[in-house]
C-alpha cells in the first residue's frame, strides 16, 4: 500500500538521508513549508493541500 510521510522543507534532506540509511532510498515524502508550529490556519490549510496533491501524484505513479 502506498504511503507518504509529511516533512517540512527544513528537514527534507535529513529525512532523505535517513530513508537511505534504513534501506528505503526511494521513499517518498510530501514536502511542505517550514515552520509548522507558527503557521497560520490559512498556511496550514495550504500545506495540507500541498500534501494531498503530492500524495495523489505518488499513488498514481505507484499504480
PDB file of N, CA and C in Angstrom:
ATOM      1  N   UNK A   1       0.847  -1.164   0.000  1.00  0.00           N
ATOM      2  CA  UNK A   1       0.000   0.000   0.000  1.00  0.00           C
ATOM      3  C   UNK A   1       0.903   1.242   0.000  1.00  0.00           C
ATOM      4  N   UNK A   2       0.674   2.162  -0.918  1.00  0.00           N
ATOM      5  CA  UNK A   2       1.486   3.380  -0.955  1.00  0.00           C
ATOM      6  C   UNK A   2       1.278   4.211   0.310  1.00  0.00           C
ATOM      7  N   UNK A   3       2.349   4.818   0.738  1.00  0.00           N
ATOM      8  CA  UNK A   3       2.264   5.717   1.883  1.00  0.00           C
ATOM      9  C   UNK A   3       3.141   6.929   1.599  1.00  0.00           C
ATOM     10  N   UNK A   4       2.937   7.960   2.363  1.00  0.00           N
ATOM     11  CA  UNK A   4       3.687   9.184   2.152  1.00  0.00           C
ATOM     12  C   UNK A   4       3.850   9.895   3.486  1.00  0.00           C
ATOM     13  N   UNK A   5       5.091  10.105   3.888  1.00  0.00           N
ATOM     14  CA  UNK A   5       5.358  10.873   5.101  1.00  0.00           C
ATOM     15  C   UNK A   5       5.306  12.351   4.752  1.00  0.00           C
ATOM     16  N   UNK A   6       4.925  13.168   5.710  1.00  0.00           N
ATOM     17  CA  UNK A   6       4.887  14.615   5.515  1.00  0.00           C
ATOM     18  C   UNK A   6       6.048  15.213   6.311  1.00  0.00           C
ATOM     19  N   UNK A   7       6.859  16.019   5.626  1.00  0.00           N
ATOM     20  CA  UNK A   7       8.054  16.603   6.238  1.00  0.00           C
ATOM     21  C   UNK A   7       8.170  18.055   5.784  1.00  0.00           C
ATOM     22  N   UNK A   8       8.719  18.902   6.615  1.00  0.00           N
ATOM     23  CA  UNK A   8       8.908  20.290   6.187  1.00  0.00           C
ATOM     24  C   UNK A   8      10.201  20.413   5.393  1.00  0.00           C
ATOM     25  N   UNK A   9      10.265  21.478   4.601  1.00  0.00           N
ATOM     26  CA  UNK A   9      11.432  21.737   3.744  1.00  0.00           C
ATOM     27  C   UNK A   9      12.735  21.693   4.542  1.00  0.00           C
ATOM     28  N   UNK A  10      12.693  22.191   5.750  1.00  0.00           N
ATOM     29  CA  UNK A  10      13.881  22.278   6.599  1.00  0.00           C
ATOM     30  C   UNK A  10      14.507  20.908   6.857  1.00  0.00           C
ATOM     31  N   UNK A  11      13.679  19.866   6.908  1.00  0.00           N
ATOM     32  CA  UNK A  11      14.161  18.540   7.284  1.00  0.00           C
ATOM     33  C   UNK A  11      14.150  17.536   6.127  1.00  0.00           C
ATOM     34  N   UNK A  12      13.875  17.992   4.918  1.00  0.00           N
ATOM     35  CA  UNK A  12      13.761  17.080   3.773  1.00  0.00           C
ATOM     36  C   UNK A  12      15.060  16.332   3.490  1.00  0.00           C
ATOM     37  N   UNK A  13      16.187  17.018   3.523  1.00  0.00           N
ATOM     38  CA  UNK A  13      17.449  16.331   3.223  1.00  0.00           C
ATOM     39  C   UNK A  13      17.800  15.325   4.312  1.00  0.00           C
ATOM     40  N   UNK A  14      17.522  15.647   5.569  1.00  0.00           N
ATOM     41  CA  UNK A  14      17.782  14.707   6.662  1.00  0.00           C
ATOM     42  C   UNK A  14      16.873  13.487   6.546  1.00  0.00           C
ATOM     43  N   UNK A  15      15.620  13.704   6.183  1.00  0.00           N
ATOM     44  CA  UNK A  15      14.682  12.584   6.019  1.00  0.00           C
ATOM     45  C   UNK A  15      15.112  11.694   4.860  1.00  0.00           C
ATOM     46  N   UNK A  16      15.568  12.313   3.785  1.00  0.00           N
ATOM     47  CA  UNK A  16      16.061  11.557   2.628  1.00  0.00           C
ATOM     48  C   UNK A  16      17.266  10.707   3.019  1.00  0.00           C
ATOM     49  N   UNK A  17      18.182  11.297   3.740  1.00  0.00           N
ATOM     50  CA  UNK A  17      19.372  10.583   4.199  1.00  0.00           C
ATOM     51  C   UNK A  17      18.977   9.419   5.108  1.00  0.00           C
ATOM     52  N   UNK A  18      18.080   9.656   6.032  1.00  0.00           N
ATOM     53  CA  UNK A  18      17.658   8.603   6.969  1.00  0.00           C
ATOM     54  C   UNK A  18      16.950   7.471   6.236  1.00  0.00           C
ATOM     55  N   UNK A  19      16.131   7.814   5.267  1.00  0.00           N
ATOM     56  CA  UNK A  19      15.456   6.773   4.481  1.00  0.00           C
ATOM     57  C   UNK A  19      16.487   5.884   3.793  1.00  0.00           C
ATOM     58  N   UNK A  20      17.532   6.501   3.239  1.00  0.00           N
ATOM     59  CA  UNK A  20      18.585   5.726   2.590  1.00  0.00           C
ATOM     60  C   UNK A  20      19.312   4.819   3.563  1.00  0.00           C
ATOM     61  N   UNK A  21      19.628   5.343   4.746  1.00  0.00           N
ATOM     62  CA  UNK A  21      20.316   4.557   5.776  1.00  0.00           C
ATOM     63  C   UNK A  21      19.468   3.360   6.194  1.00  0.00           C
ATOM     64  N   UNK A  22      18.165   3.544   6.210  1.00  0.00           N
ATOM     65  CA  UNK A  22      17.258   2.470   6.633  1.00  0.00           C
ATOM     66  C   UNK A  22      16.863   1.539   5.478  1.00  0.00           C
ATOM     67  N   UNK A  23      17.478   1.739   4.308  1.00  0.00           N
ATOM     68  CA  UNK A  23      17.229   0.837   3.182  1.00  0.00           C
ATOM     69  C   UNK A  23      16.023   1.200   2.341  1.00  0.00           C
ATOM     70  N   UNK A  24      15.528   2.414   2.462  1.00  0.00           N
ATOM     71  CA  UNK A  24      14.356   2.842   1.691  1.00  0.00           C
ATOM     72  C   UNK A  24      14.701   4.120   0.924  1.00  0.00           C
ATOM     73  N   UNK A  25      15.788   4.051   0.126  1.00  0.00           N
ATOM     74  CA  UNK A  25      16.298   5.267  -0.515  1.00  0.00           C
ATOM     75  C   UNK A  25      15.305   5.943  -1.442  1.00  0.00           C
ATOM     76  N   UNK A  26      14.312   5.223  -1.931  1.00  0.00           N
ATOM     77  CA  UNK A  26      13.312   5.813  -2.825  1.00  0.00           C
ATOM     78  C   UNK A  26      12.019   6.179  -2.108  1.00  0.00           C
ATOM     79  N   UNK A  27      12.044   6.212  -0.776  1.00  0.00           N
ATOM     80  CA  UNK A  27      10.845   6.543  -0.013  1.00  0.00           C
ATOM     81  C   UNK A  27      10.406   7.959  -0.360  1.00  0.00           C
ATOM     82  N   UNK A  28       9.122   8.148  -0.544  1.00  0.00           N
ATOM     83  CA  UNK A  28       8.577   9.443  -0.942  1.00  0.00           C
ATOM     84  C   UNK A  28       8.106  10.245   0.271  1.00  0.00           C
ATOM     85  N   UNK A  29       8.287  11.541   0.182  1.00  0.00           N
ATOM     86  CA  UNK A  29       7.859  12.464   1.230  1.00  0.00           C
ATOM     87  C   UNK A  29       7.009  13.560   0.606  1.00  0.00           C
ATOM     88  N   UNK A  30       5.975  13.971   1.309  1.00  0.00           N
ATOM     89  CA  UNK A  30       5.277  15.206   0.946  1.00  0.00           C
ATOM     90  C   UNK A  30       6.061  16.299   1.655  1.00  0.00           C
ATOM     91  N   UNK A  31       6.541  17.261   0.902  1.00  0.00           N
ATOM     92  CA  UNK A  31       7.363  18.322   1.474  1.00  0.00           C
ATOM     93  C   UNK A  31       6.543  19.606   1.529  1.00  0.00           C
ATOM     94  N   UNK A  32       6.400  20.122   2.755  1.00  0.00           N
ATOM     95  CA  UNK A  32       5.591  21.322   2.979  1.00  0.00           C
ATOM     96  C   UNK A  32       6.473  22.442   3.528  1.00  0.00           C
ATOM     97  N   UNK A  33       5.971  23.682   3.485  1.00  0.00           N
ATOM     98  CA  UNK A  33       6.754  24.807   4.001  1.00  0.00           C
ATOM     99  C   UNK A  33       7.054  24.686   5.498  1.00  0.00           C
ATOM    100  N   UNK A  34       8.179  25.256   5.874  1.00  0.00           N
ATOM    101  CA  UNK A  34       8.623  25.289   7.268  1.00  0.00           C
ATOM    102  C   UNK A  34       8.513  26.720   7.753  1.00  0.00           C
ATOM    103  N   UNK A  35       8.147  26.983   8.961  1.00  0.00           N
ATOM    104  CA  UNK A  35       7.787  26.077  10.046  1.00  0.00           C
ATOM    105  C   UNK A  35       6.287  25.809  10.093  1.00  0.00           C
ATOM    106  N   UNK A  36       5.931  24.806  10.849  1.00  0.00           N
ATOM    107  CA  UNK A  36       4.519  24.462  11.037  1.00  0.00           C
ATOM    108  C   UNK A  36       3.996  25.063  12.341  1.00  0.00           C
ATOM    109  N   UNK A  37       4.836  25.081  13.359  1.00  0.00           N
ATOM    110  CA  UNK A  37       4.377  25.497  14.689  1.00  0.00           C
ATOM    111  C   UNK A  37       3.857  26.935  14.739  1.00  0.00           C
ATOM    112  N   UNK A  38       4.381  27.808  13.913  1.00  0.00           N
ATOM    113  CA  UNK A  38       3.927  29.202  13.947  1.00  0.00           C
ATOM    114  C   UNK A  38       3.092  29.576  12.725  1.00  0.00           C
ATOM    115  N   UNK A  39       2.704  28.570  11.938  1.00  0.00           N
ATOM    116  CA  UNK A  39       1.914  28.829  10.729  1.00  0.00           C
ATOM    117  C   UNK A  39       0.481  29.208  11.100  1.00  0.00           C
ATOM    118  N   UNK A  40      -0.098  30.078  10.283  1.00  0.00           N
ATOM    119  CA  UNK A  40      -1.498  30.459  10.482  1.00  0.00           C
ATOM    120  C   UNK A  40      -2.405  29.330   9.995  1.00  0.00           C
ATOM    121  N   UNK A  41      -3.667  29.418  10.310  1.00  0.00           N
ATOM    122  CA  UNK A  41      -4.628  28.416   9.839  1.00  0.00           C
ATOM    123  C   UNK A  41      -4.644  28.361   8.317  1.00  0.00           C
ATOM    124  N   UNK A  42      -4.558  29.513   7.693  1.00  0.00           N
ATOM    125  CA  UNK A  42      -4.536  29.572   6.231  1.00  0.00           C
ATOM    126  C   UNK A  42      -3.287  28.889   5.665  1.00  0.00           C
ATOM    127  N   UNK A  43      -2.146  29.116   6.288  1.00  0.00           N
ATOM    128  CA  UNK A  43      -0.908  28.475   5.845  1.00  0.00           C
ATOM    129  C   UNK A  43      -0.963  26.964   6.049  1.00  0.00           C
ATOM    130  N   UNK A  44      -1.543  26.536   7.158  1.00  0.00           N
ATOM    131  CA  UNK A  44      -1.666  25.099   7.419  1.00  0.00           C
ATOM    132  C   UNK A  44      -2.600  24.435   6.403  1.00  0.00           C
ATOM    133  N   UNK A  45      -3.679  25.119   6.055  1.00  0.00           N
ATOM    134  CA  UNK A  45      -4.580  24.593   5.040  1.00  0.00           C
ATOM    135  C   UNK A  45      -3.856  24.452   3.711  1.00  0.00           C
ATOM    136  N   UNK A  46      -3.064  25.437   3.360  1.00  0.00           N
ATOM    137  CA  UNK A  46      -2.274  25.375   2.125  1.00  0.00           C
ATOM    138  C   UNK A  46      -1.307  24.187   2.178  1.00  0.00           C
ATOM    139  N   UNK A  47      -0.645  23.986   3.302  1.00  0.00           N
ATOM    140  CA  UNK A  47       0.283  22.861   3.456  1.00  0.00           C
ATOM    141  C   UNK A  47      -0.447  21.524   3.327  1.00  0.00           C
ATOM    142  N   UNK A  48      -1.635  21.451   3.902  1.00  0.00           N
ATOM    143  CA  UNK A  48      -2.432  20.220   3.786  1.00  0.00           C
ATOM    144  C   UNK A  48      -2.797  19.955   2.328  1.00  0.00           C
ATOM    145  N   UNK A  49      -3.167  21.004   1.614  1.00  0.00           N
ATOM    146  CA  UNK A  49      -3.497  20.846   0.193  1.00  0.00           C
ATOM    147  C   UNK A  49      -2.279  20.389  -0.603  1.00  0.00           C
ATOM    148  N   UNK A  50      -1.111  20.939  -0.300  1.00  0.00           N
ATOM    149  CA  UNK A  50       0.125  20.505  -0.960  1.00  0.00           C
ATOM    150  C   UNK A  50       0.394  19.024  -0.687  1.00  0.00           C
ATOM    151  N   UNK A  51       0.167  18.610   0.555  1.00  0.00           N
ATOM    152  CA  UNK A  51       0.382  17.211   0.929  1.00  0.00           C
ATOM    153  C   UNK A  51      -0.528  16.279   0.142  1.00  0.00           C
ATOM    154  N   UNK A  52      -1.788  16.644   0.021  1.00  0.00           N
ATOM    155  CA  UNK A  52      -2.752  15.817  -0.715  1.00  0.00           C
ATOM    156  C   UNK A  52      -2.351  15.733  -2.188  1.00  0.00           C
ATOM    157  N   UNK A  53      -1.947  16.852  -2.779  1.00  0.00           N
ATOM    158  CA  UNK A  53      -1.506  16.834  -4.181  1.00  0.00           C
ATOM    159  C   UNK A  53      -0.329  15.891  -4.366  1.00  0.00           C
ATOM    160  N   UNK A  54       0.640  15.968  -3.457  1.00  0.00           N
ATOM    161  CA  UNK A  54       1.806  15.100  -3.565  1.00  0.00           C
ATOM    162  C   UNK A  54       1.442  13.638  -3.335  1.00  0.00           C
ATOM    163  N   UNK A  55       0.524  13.364  -2.406  1.00  0.00           N
ATOM    164  CA  UNK A  55       0.063  12.008  -2.170  1.00  0.00           C
ATOM    165  C   UNK A  55      -0.605  11.446  -3.422  1.00  0.00           C
ATOM    166  N   UNK A  56      -1.458  12.227  -4.048  1.00  0.00           N
ATOM    167  CA  UNK A  56      -2.135  11.763  -5.261  1.00  0.00           C
ATOM    168  C   UNK A  56      -1.131  11.456  -6.363  1.00  0.00           C
ATOM    169  N   UNK A  57      -0.123  12.302  -6.535  1.00  0.00           N
ATOM    170  CA  UNK A  57       0.920  12.039  -7.534  1.00  0.00           C
ATOM    171  C   UNK A  57       1.638  10.734  -7.232  1.00  0.00           C
ATOM    172  N   UNK A  58       1.944  10.503  -5.963  1.00  0.00           N
ATOM    173  CA  UNK A  58       2.642   9.284  -5.551  1.00  0.00           C
ATOM    174  C   UNK A  58       1.806   8.043  -5.812  1.00  0.00           C
ATOM    175  N   UNK A  59       0.522   8.108  -5.485  1.00  0.00           N
ATOM    176  CA  UNK A  59      -0.371   6.961  -5.681  1.00  0.00           C
ATOM    177  C   UNK A  59      -0.502   6.644  -7.178  1.00  0.00           C
ATOM    178  N   UNK A  60      -0.637   7.682  -7.994  1.00  0.00           N
ATOM    179  CA  UNK A  60      -0.756   7.475  -9.448  1.00  0.00           C
ATOM    180  C   UNK A  60       0.522   6.845  -9.990  1.00  0.00           C
ATOM    181  N   UNK A  61       1.688   7.297  -9.540  1.00  0.00           N
ATOM    182  CA  UNK A  61       2.950   6.748 -10.003  1.00  0.00           C
ATOM    183  C   UNK A  61       3.128   5.299  -9.531  1.00  0.00           C
ATOM    184  N   UNK A  62       2.649   4.998  -8.337  1.00  0.00           N
ATOM    185  CA  UNK A  62       2.803   3.651  -7.774  1.00  0.00           C
ATOM    186  C   UNK A  62       1.845   2.656  -8.434  1.00  0.00           C
ATOM    187  N   UNK A  63       0.736   3.169  -8.962  1.00  0.00           N
ATOM    188  CA  UNK A  63      -0.309   2.308  -9.516  1.00  0.00           C
ATOM    189  C   UNK A  63       0.034   1.861 -10.859  1.00  0.00           C
TER     190      UNK A  63
END
